Amino acid sequence: MPPRQLKGRTALVTGASQGIGRAIALAFARNGANVVVTARNEAKLRALAAEIEAMGVHALAVAADLGVESEIDAAAAAAIARFGGIDVLVNNAGIIHPRIPVVEFDPQLFREVLNVNMIGAFLMAKALLPGMIERGYGKIINISSIGGRKGAAGRSAYRVTKAGLISFTESLAAEVKRYGIDVNAICPGAVDTEGYRAVFNTPGQAGNPKIEPPESIAELAVFLASDRSKAITGTAIDAFGATNPLFG
């Protein structure tokens, strides 16, 4: 793999305080990118930013709730003010809910899941796209899920948003390829993150070695963020690992 293949690029990663988002932010930094990290936990973001800058690149930590439009706009504005523009956007922030039957689902929670997982991704892309279009370059990576491929009992809100991200990826890719912007999605299977362990009450890889580490997804994100992926757009890549349903 070419060293520091993102050198000179600036990326913004949402939901970066832990899990897949954190792994992607660190992988981008190792490959030479400056990284803007956003999430709600400011203390974790500042620690992550320090870790990124120790790699010899620049970082900016911006606390933001991706369910609040004004905070999305503020995070995008802060990133642009600091770096002049964003080359790579990773829409990773999301709410994971436990299994809840539709008849028992709190409508407010359903709205919150849609607002963060789907509308938040739309708003962040909308905020950063004008600069990408003006420069004639951009990469947008939406983190969907194996859950975006098929519904499941008790997982209605989450899986609706992840399926929506796949369709959003295709629609946006069709709009912006002419401006030199590629839009793709990653559909992870089970990944050993803090959120996954908490929602499903599992020890993660310690209890199931088939579960992927978040670094596996981060490596795929690096590829999609790099110029090596210029032939790929409007695609949702399944990254199920050993949890692939093909294996039973």
Protein backbone atom coordinates (compact mmCIF):
# COMPACT_ATOMS: atom_id res chain seq x y z
CA MET A 1 0.00 0.00 0.00
CA PRO A 2 1.42 3.42 -0.92
CA PRO A 3 2.63 5.33 2.16
CA ARG A 4 0.77 8.46 3.28
CA GLN A 5 -1.63 8.23 0.36
CA LEU A 6 -3.83 11.01 1.78
CA LYS A 7 -1.03 13.54 2.21
CA GLY A 8 -2.22 17.07 1.56
CA ARG A 9 -5.88 16.17 2.01
CA THR A 10 -8.20 17.31 4.78
CA ALA A 11 -10.94 15.03 6.08
CA LEU A 12 -13.91 15.52 8.37
CA VAL A 13 -15.15 12.48 10.29
CA THR A 14 -18.41 12.55 12.22
CA GLY A 15 -19.02 10.34 15.23
CA ALA A 16 -15.26 10.24 15.69
CA SER A 17 -14.99 9.97 19.47
CA GLN A 18 -15.09 6.17 19.48
CA GLY A 19 -15.59 3.03 17.42
CA ILE A 20 -15.42 3.08 13.64
CA GLY A 21 -15.21 6.88 13.45
CA ARG A 22 -12.20 7.03 15.74
CA ALA A 23 -10.46 4.23 13.82
CA ILE A 24 -11.06 6.03 10.52
CA ALA A 25 -9.76 9.34 11.86
CA LEU A 26 -6.55 7.69 13.08
CA ALA A 27 -6.08 5.76 9.83
CA PHE A 28 -6.50 8.96 7.81
CA ALA A 29 -3.91 10.70 9.97
CA ARG A 30 -1.45 7.82 9.58
CA ASN A 31 -1.87 8.26 5.83
CA GLY A 32 -1.01 11.95 5.96
CA ALA A 33 -4.41 13.67 6.10
CA ASN A 34 -5.33 16.57 8.33
CA VAL A 35 -8.45 15.54 10.22
CA VAL A 36 -11.44 17.38 11.67
CA VAL A 37 -13.17 15.19 14.24
CA THR A 38 -16.71 15.79 15.44
CA ALA A 39 -18.93 14.11 18.02
CA ARG A 40 -20.75 15.14 21.19
CA ASN A 41 -18.01 14.15 23.66
CA GLU A 42 -15.57 17.06 23.66
CA ALA A 43 -13.08 15.47 26.06
CA LYS A 44 -12.69 12.37 23.89
CA LEU A 45 -12.38 14.53 20.77
CA ARG A 46 -9.60 16.63 22.27
CA ALA A 47 -7.70 13.51 23.28
CA LEU A 48 -8.12 12.11 19.78
CA ALA A 49 -6.97 15.37 18.20
CA ALA A 50 -3.81 15.29 20.30
CA GLU A 51 -3.17 11.70 19.20
CA ILE A 52 -3.62 12.72 15.56
CA GLU A 53 -1.28 15.70 15.82
CA ALA A 54 1.38 13.45 17.35
CA MET A 55 1.49 11.79 13.92
CA GLY A 56 2.73 15.02 12.35
CA VAL A 57 -0.51 16.25 10.81
CA HIS A 58 -3.07 18.84 11.89
CA ALA A 59 -6.31 18.16 13.73
CA LEU A 60 -9.36 20.11 14.80
CA ALA A 61 -11.83 18.88 17.42
CA VAL A 62 -15.36 20.30 17.10
CA ALA A 63 -18.03 19.13 19.53
CA ALA A 64 -21.35 18.88 17.70
CA ASP A 65 -24.65 17.05 17.95
CA LEU A 66 -25.45 15.69 14.48
CA GLY A 67 -29.12 15.82 15.37
CA VAL A 68 -29.03 19.62 15.54
CA GLU A 69 -28.82 21.48 12.22
CA SER A 70 -27.22 24.61 13.67
CA GLU A 71 -24.44 22.55 15.24
CA ILE A 72 -23.77 20.78 11.94
CA ASP A 73 -23.50 24.14 10.19
CA ALA A 74 -21.18 25.43 12.91
CA ALA A 75 -18.92 22.37 12.69
CA ALA A 76 -18.68 22.66 8.90
CA ALA A 77 -17.95 26.40 9.15
CA ALA A 78 -15.22 25.81 11.76
CA ALA A 79 -13.58 23.17 9.56
CA ILE A 80 -13.62 25.43 6.51
CA ALA A 81 -12.31 28.40 8.50
CA ARG A 82 -9.40 26.34 9.82
CA PHE A 83 -8.39 24.45 6.67
CA GLY A 84 -9.99 26.37 3.81
CA GLY A 85 -12.05 23.38 2.71
CA ILE A 86 -12.72 19.69 3.22
CA ASP A 87 -11.60 17.10 0.67
CA VAL A 88 -13.04 14.00 2.34
CA LEU A 89 -16.24 13.67 4.37
CA VAL A 90 -17.04 10.55 6.35
CA ASN A 91 -20.64 10.45 7.58
CA ASN A 92 -20.28 7.98 10.43
CA ALA A 93 -22.29 9.43 13.34
CA GLY A 94 -25.28 7.36 14.27
CA ILE A 95 -27.66 6.16 16.95
CA ILE A 96 -27.90 2.41 17.50
CA HIS A 97 -31.02 1.22 19.31
CA PRO A 98 -31.74 -2.16 20.92
CA ARG A 99 -34.40 -4.44 19.53
CA ILE A 100 -37.75 -2.67 19.95
CA PRO A 101 -41.00 -3.87 18.34
CA VAL A 102 -42.76 -1.20 16.28
CA VAL A 103 -45.81 -1.23 18.57
CA GLU A 104 -43.52 -0.36 21.51
CA PHE A 105 -41.25 2.09 19.68
CA ASP A 106 -41.25 5.61 21.11
CA PRO A 107 -41.99 7.89 18.13
CA GLN A 108 -39.58 10.50 19.47
CA LEU A 109 -36.73 7.97 19.53
CA PHE A 110 -37.64 6.88 16.00
CA ARG A 111 -37.39 10.51 14.87
CA GLU A 112 -34.05 10.96 16.66
CA VAL A 113 -32.57 7.94 14.91
CA LEU A 114 -33.69 9.23 11.51
CA ASN A 115 -32.53 12.74 12.36
CA VAL A 116 -28.97 11.77 13.32
CA ASN A 117 -28.33 8.77 11.07
CA MET A 118 -29.91 10.05 7.87
CA ILE A 119 -30.72 13.76 7.97
CA GLY A 120 -27.44 14.57 9.73
CA ALA A 121 -25.51 12.94 6.89
CA PHE A 122 -27.53 14.91 4.32
CA LEU A 123 -26.97 18.21 6.12
CA MET A 124 -23.23 17.72 6.55
CA ALA A 125 -22.83 16.78 2.90
CA LYS A 126 -24.93 19.79 1.86
CA ALA A 127 -22.75 22.10 3.96
CA LEU A 128 -19.45 20.85 2.52
CA LEU A 129 -20.41 20.14 -1.09
CA PRO A 130 -20.22 23.75 -2.38
CA GLY A 131 -16.51 23.88 -1.57
CA MET A 132 -15.89 20.48 -3.15
CA ILE A 133 -17.76 21.54 -6.28
CA GLU A 134 -15.81 24.79 -6.49
CA ARG A 135 -12.46 22.95 -6.21
CA GLY A 136 -13.54 20.14 -8.55
CA TYR A 137 -12.61 17.41 -6.08
CA GLY A 138 -14.16 15.50 -3.21
CA LYS A 139 -14.76 12.14 -1.58
CA ILE A 140 -17.83 11.38 0.50
CA ILE A 141 -18.05 8.11 2.42
CA ASN A 142 -21.31 7.18 4.13
CA ILE A 143 -21.12 4.49 6.80
CA SER A 144 -24.17 2.30 6.27
CA SER A 145 -24.43 -1.25 7.66
CA ILE A 146 -25.21 -4.86 6.95
CA GLY A 147 -28.55 -3.70 8.37
CA GLY A 148 -29.01 -1.48 5.34
CA ARG A 149 -29.32 -4.56 3.15
CA LYS A 150 -32.28 -6.20 4.90
CA GLY A 151 -34.82 -5.48 7.61
CA ALA A 152 -34.97 -7.34 10.92
CA ALA A 153 -37.41 -7.64 13.80
CA GLY A 154 -36.98 -4.87 16.33
CA ARG A 155 -34.44 -2.95 14.22
CA SER A 156 -36.83 -0.83 12.19
CA ALA A 157 -35.53 2.71 12.76
CA TYR A 158 -31.84 1.85 12.52
CA ARG A 159 -32.19 -0.28 9.41
CA VAL A 160 -34.43 2.25 7.67
CA THR A 161 -31.69 4.86 8.05
CA LYS A 162 -28.93 2.55 6.87
CA ALA A 163 -30.93 1.54 3.80
CA GLY A 164 -31.60 5.22 3.23
CA LEU A 165 -27.89 6.00 3.30
CA ILE A 166 -27.31 3.52 0.49
CA SER A 167 -29.95 5.19 -1.67
CA PHE A 168 -28.65 8.65 -0.72
CA THR A 169 -25.17 7.53 -1.76
CA GLU A 170 -26.40 6.47 -5.20
CA SER A 171 -28.49 9.60 -5.74
CA LEU A 172 -25.76 12.00 -4.64
CA ALA A 173 -23.09 10.19 -6.67
CA ALA A 174 -25.23 10.65 -9.78
CA GLU A 175 -25.43 14.39 -9.11
CA VAL A 176 -21.80 15.22 -8.36
CA LYS A 177 -19.53 12.96 -10.42
CA ARG A 178 -19.34 15.67 -13.08
CA TYR A 179 -17.68 17.91 -10.47
CA GLY A 180 -14.96 15.38 -9.67
CA ILE A 181 -16.65 14.13 -6.52
CA ASP A 182 -17.03 10.44 -5.68
CA VAL A 183 -19.65 9.20 -3.21
CA ASN A 184 -19.61 5.70 -1.78
CA ALA A 185 -20.93 3.78 1.20
CA ILE A 186 -19.47 1.10 3.42
CA CYS A 187 -21.76 -1.55 4.90
CA PRO A 188 -19.96 -3.08 7.90
CA GLY A 189 -21.12 -6.32 9.45
CA ALA A 190 -20.68 -6.84 13.19
CA VAL A 191 -17.85 -4.59 14.39
CA ASP A 192 -16.35 -4.56 17.88
CA THR A 193 -17.24 -1.03 18.97
CA GLU A 194 -18.37 0.45 22.27
CA GLY A 195 -21.83 1.05 20.83
CA TYR A 196 -22.21 -2.49 19.54
CA ARG A 197 -21.12 -4.00 22.86
CA ALA A 198 -23.48 -1.78 24.85
CA VAL A 199 -26.60 -2.24 22.71
CA PHE A 200 -26.24 -6.01 22.30
CA ASN A 201 -24.77 -6.67 25.75
CA THR A 202 -21.80 -8.55 24.34
CA PRO A 203 -18.08 -8.62 25.14
CA GLY A 204 -17.35 -8.12 21.45
CA GLN A 205 -14.46 -10.06 19.95
CA ALA A 206 -13.78 -11.63 23.32
CA GLY A 207 -17.09 -13.45 23.00
CA ASN A 208 -17.16 -13.84 19.23
CA PRO A 209 -13.88 -13.79 17.30
CA LYS A 210 -15.81 -13.45 14.02
CA ILE A 211 -16.61 -9.83 14.85
CA GLU A 212 -14.36 -7.42 12.95
CA PRO A 213 -12.20 -4.79 14.63
CA PRO A 214 -13.00 -1.19 13.60
CA GLU A 215 -9.56 -0.93 11.99
CA SER A 216 -10.75 -3.25 9.20
CA ILE A 217 -13.41 -0.75 8.21
CA ALA A 218 -10.92 2.11 8.53
CA GLU A 219 -8.59 0.55 5.96
CA LEU A 220 -11.44 0.36 3.45
CA ALA A 221 -12.27 4.00 4.17
CA VAL A 222 -8.66 4.99 3.45
CA PHE A 223 -8.90 3.31 0.05
CA LEU A 224 -12.18 5.08 -0.79
CA ALA A 225 -10.73 8.41 0.36
CA SER A 226 -7.64 8.01 -1.82
CA ASP A 227 -7.18 8.64 -5.52
CA ARG A 228 -6.79 4.90 -6.02
CA SER A 229 -10.58 4.59 -5.84
CA LYS A 230 -11.31 7.10 -8.62
CA ALA A 231 -13.11 4.45 -10.70
CA ILE A 232 -15.57 3.75 -7.90
CA THR A 233 -18.62 5.88 -7.17
CA GLY A 234 -22.26 5.33 -6.29
CA THR A 235 -21.35 1.99 -4.73
CA ALA A 236 -22.14 0.42 -1.36
CA ILE A 237 -19.38 -2.00 -0.39
CA ASP A 238 -20.29 -4.89 1.89
CA ALA A 239 -17.64 -5.35 4.59
CA PHE A 240 -19.22 -8.18 6.54
CA GLY A 241 -16.03 -10.11 7.31
CA ALA A 242 -16.58 -13.48 8.93
CA THR A 243 -20.12 -12.46 9.92
CA ASN A 244 -21.17 -12.59 6.25
CA PRO A 245 -24.52 -14.45 5.98
CA LEU A 246 -22.96 -16.53 3.19
CA PHE A 247 -21.04 -18.41 5.87
CA GLY A 248 -24.16 -19.41 7.75
